[in-house]
Protein backbone atom coordinates (compact mmCIF):
# COMPACT_ATOMS: atom_id res chain seq x y z
CA UNK A 1 97.66 281.39 -40.19
CA UNK A 2 96.59 277.81 -40.46
CA UNK A 3 97.49 274.46 -39.00
CA UNK A 4 98.56 271.97 -41.68
CA UNK A 5 100.22 268.60 -42.10
CA UNK A 6 103.28 268.20 -44.30
CA UNK A 7 102.49 265.64 -47.02
CA UNK A 8 105.60 265.77 -49.18
CA UNK A 9 108.34 267.74 -50.91
CA UNK A 10 107.89 269.92 -53.99
CA UNK A 11 110.65 270.02 -56.56
CA UNK A 12 111.00 271.90 -59.83
CA UNK A 13 113.66 272.25 -62.46
CA UNK A 14 112.71 275.83 -63.27
CA UNK A 15 111.90 278.30 -60.50
CA UNK A 16 112.25 281.93 -59.53
CA UNK A 17 115.90 282.68 -58.58
CA UNK A 18 114.84 283.62 -55.03
CA UNK A 19 113.65 280.04 -54.48
CA UNK A 20 116.91 278.37 -55.51
CA UNK A 21 118.22 276.19 -52.69
CA UNK A 22 115.04 276.58 -50.62
CA UNK A 23 113.06 273.68 -49.22
CA UNK A 24 109.55 273.64 -50.65
CA UNK A 25 106.97 271.44 -48.95
CA UNK A 26 103.39 270.41 -49.68
CA UNK A 27 101.25 271.41 -46.70
CA UNK A 28 97.69 270.12 -46.41
CA UNK A 29 95.54 272.40 -44.20
CA UNK A 30 93.52 270.64 -41.51
CA UNK A 31 90.30 272.06 -42.97
CA UNK A 32 88.99 269.70 -45.70
CA UNK A 33 87.64 272.56 -47.83
CA UNK A 34 91.10 274.15 -48.31
CA UNK A 35 93.56 273.12 -51.01
CA UNK A 36 97.13 272.00 -50.24
CA UNK A 37 99.73 274.78 -50.44
CA UNK A 38 103.38 274.90 -51.41
CA UNK A 39 105.23 276.43 -48.46
CA UNK A 40 108.80 277.59 -47.89
CA UNK A 41 110.36 275.77 -44.96
CA UNK A 42 113.14 277.40 -42.99
CA UNK A 43 112.70 275.22 -39.89
CA UNK A 44 113.31 271.66 -41.10
CA UNK A 45 109.77 270.26 -40.98
CA UNK A 46 109.36 266.69 -42.20
CA UNK A 47 106.66 264.61 -43.82
CA UNK A 48 103.80 263.91 -41.42
CA UNK A 49 104.62 266.75 -39.05
CA UNK A 50 101.98 269.24 -38.01
CA UNK A 51 102.99 272.84 -38.70
CA UNK A 52 101.70 276.37 -38.47
CA UNK A 53 101.71 278.06 -41.89
CA UNK A 54 101.13 281.67 -42.87
CA UNK A 55 100.11 283.35 -46.10
CA UNK A 56 101.84 286.59 -45.13
CA UNK A 57 103.84 287.08 -48.32
CA UNK A 58 105.98 289.83 -46.82
CA UNK A 59 107.34 287.39 -44.22
CA UNK A 60 107.95 284.73 -46.86
CA UNK A 61 109.84 287.27 -48.97
CA UNK A 62 111.95 288.20 -45.93
CA UNK A 63 112.88 284.53 -45.54
CA UNK A 64 114.12 284.32 -49.13
CA UNK A 65 115.65 287.81 -49.02
CA UNK A 66 113.97 289.14 -52.17
CA UNK A 67 111.11 291.64 -52.09
CA UNK A 68 110.15 290.67 -55.65
CA UNK A 69 109.90 286.92 -54.95
CA UNK A 70 106.63 285.13 -55.73
CA UNK A 71 106.87 283.43 -52.31
CA UNK A 72 103.62 283.59 -50.34
CA UNK A 73 103.26 280.70 -47.86
CA UNK A 74 105.83 279.82 -45.21
CA UNK A 75 106.21 277.55 -42.18
CA UNK A 76 106.09 279.58 -38.97
CA UNK A 77 106.44 276.74 -36.50
CA UNK A 78 106.40 273.00 -35.95
CA UNK A 79 103.72 271.80 -33.54
CA UNK A 80 104.62 269.04 -31.09
CA UNK A 81 101.39 267.03 -30.63
CA UNK A 82 102.77 265.48 -27.42
CA UNK A 83 102.84 268.90 -25.77
CA UNK A 84 99.78 270.46 -27.39
CA UNK A 85 96.68 268.97 -25.82
CA UNK A 86 94.38 271.15 -27.94
CA UNK A 87 95.03 269.02 -31.02
């Protein structure tokens, strides 16, 4: 799990059938040495929001409902910086 900031939306004209109709976001991890990731969002995160992301592919595949999906990263939660003093 990592904390990341949503930087934008990812769109594609050709994708795996399990990703059709899914919201794909670009999440930039808070650590500068890590690359941005494409994540599946089931929670409605928006650009600029801080989120908790996970690379547990089995959970991402449960979200899309296909055990053969290439999905890997997913949004687990949206962090409210007003209530989280640790950030």
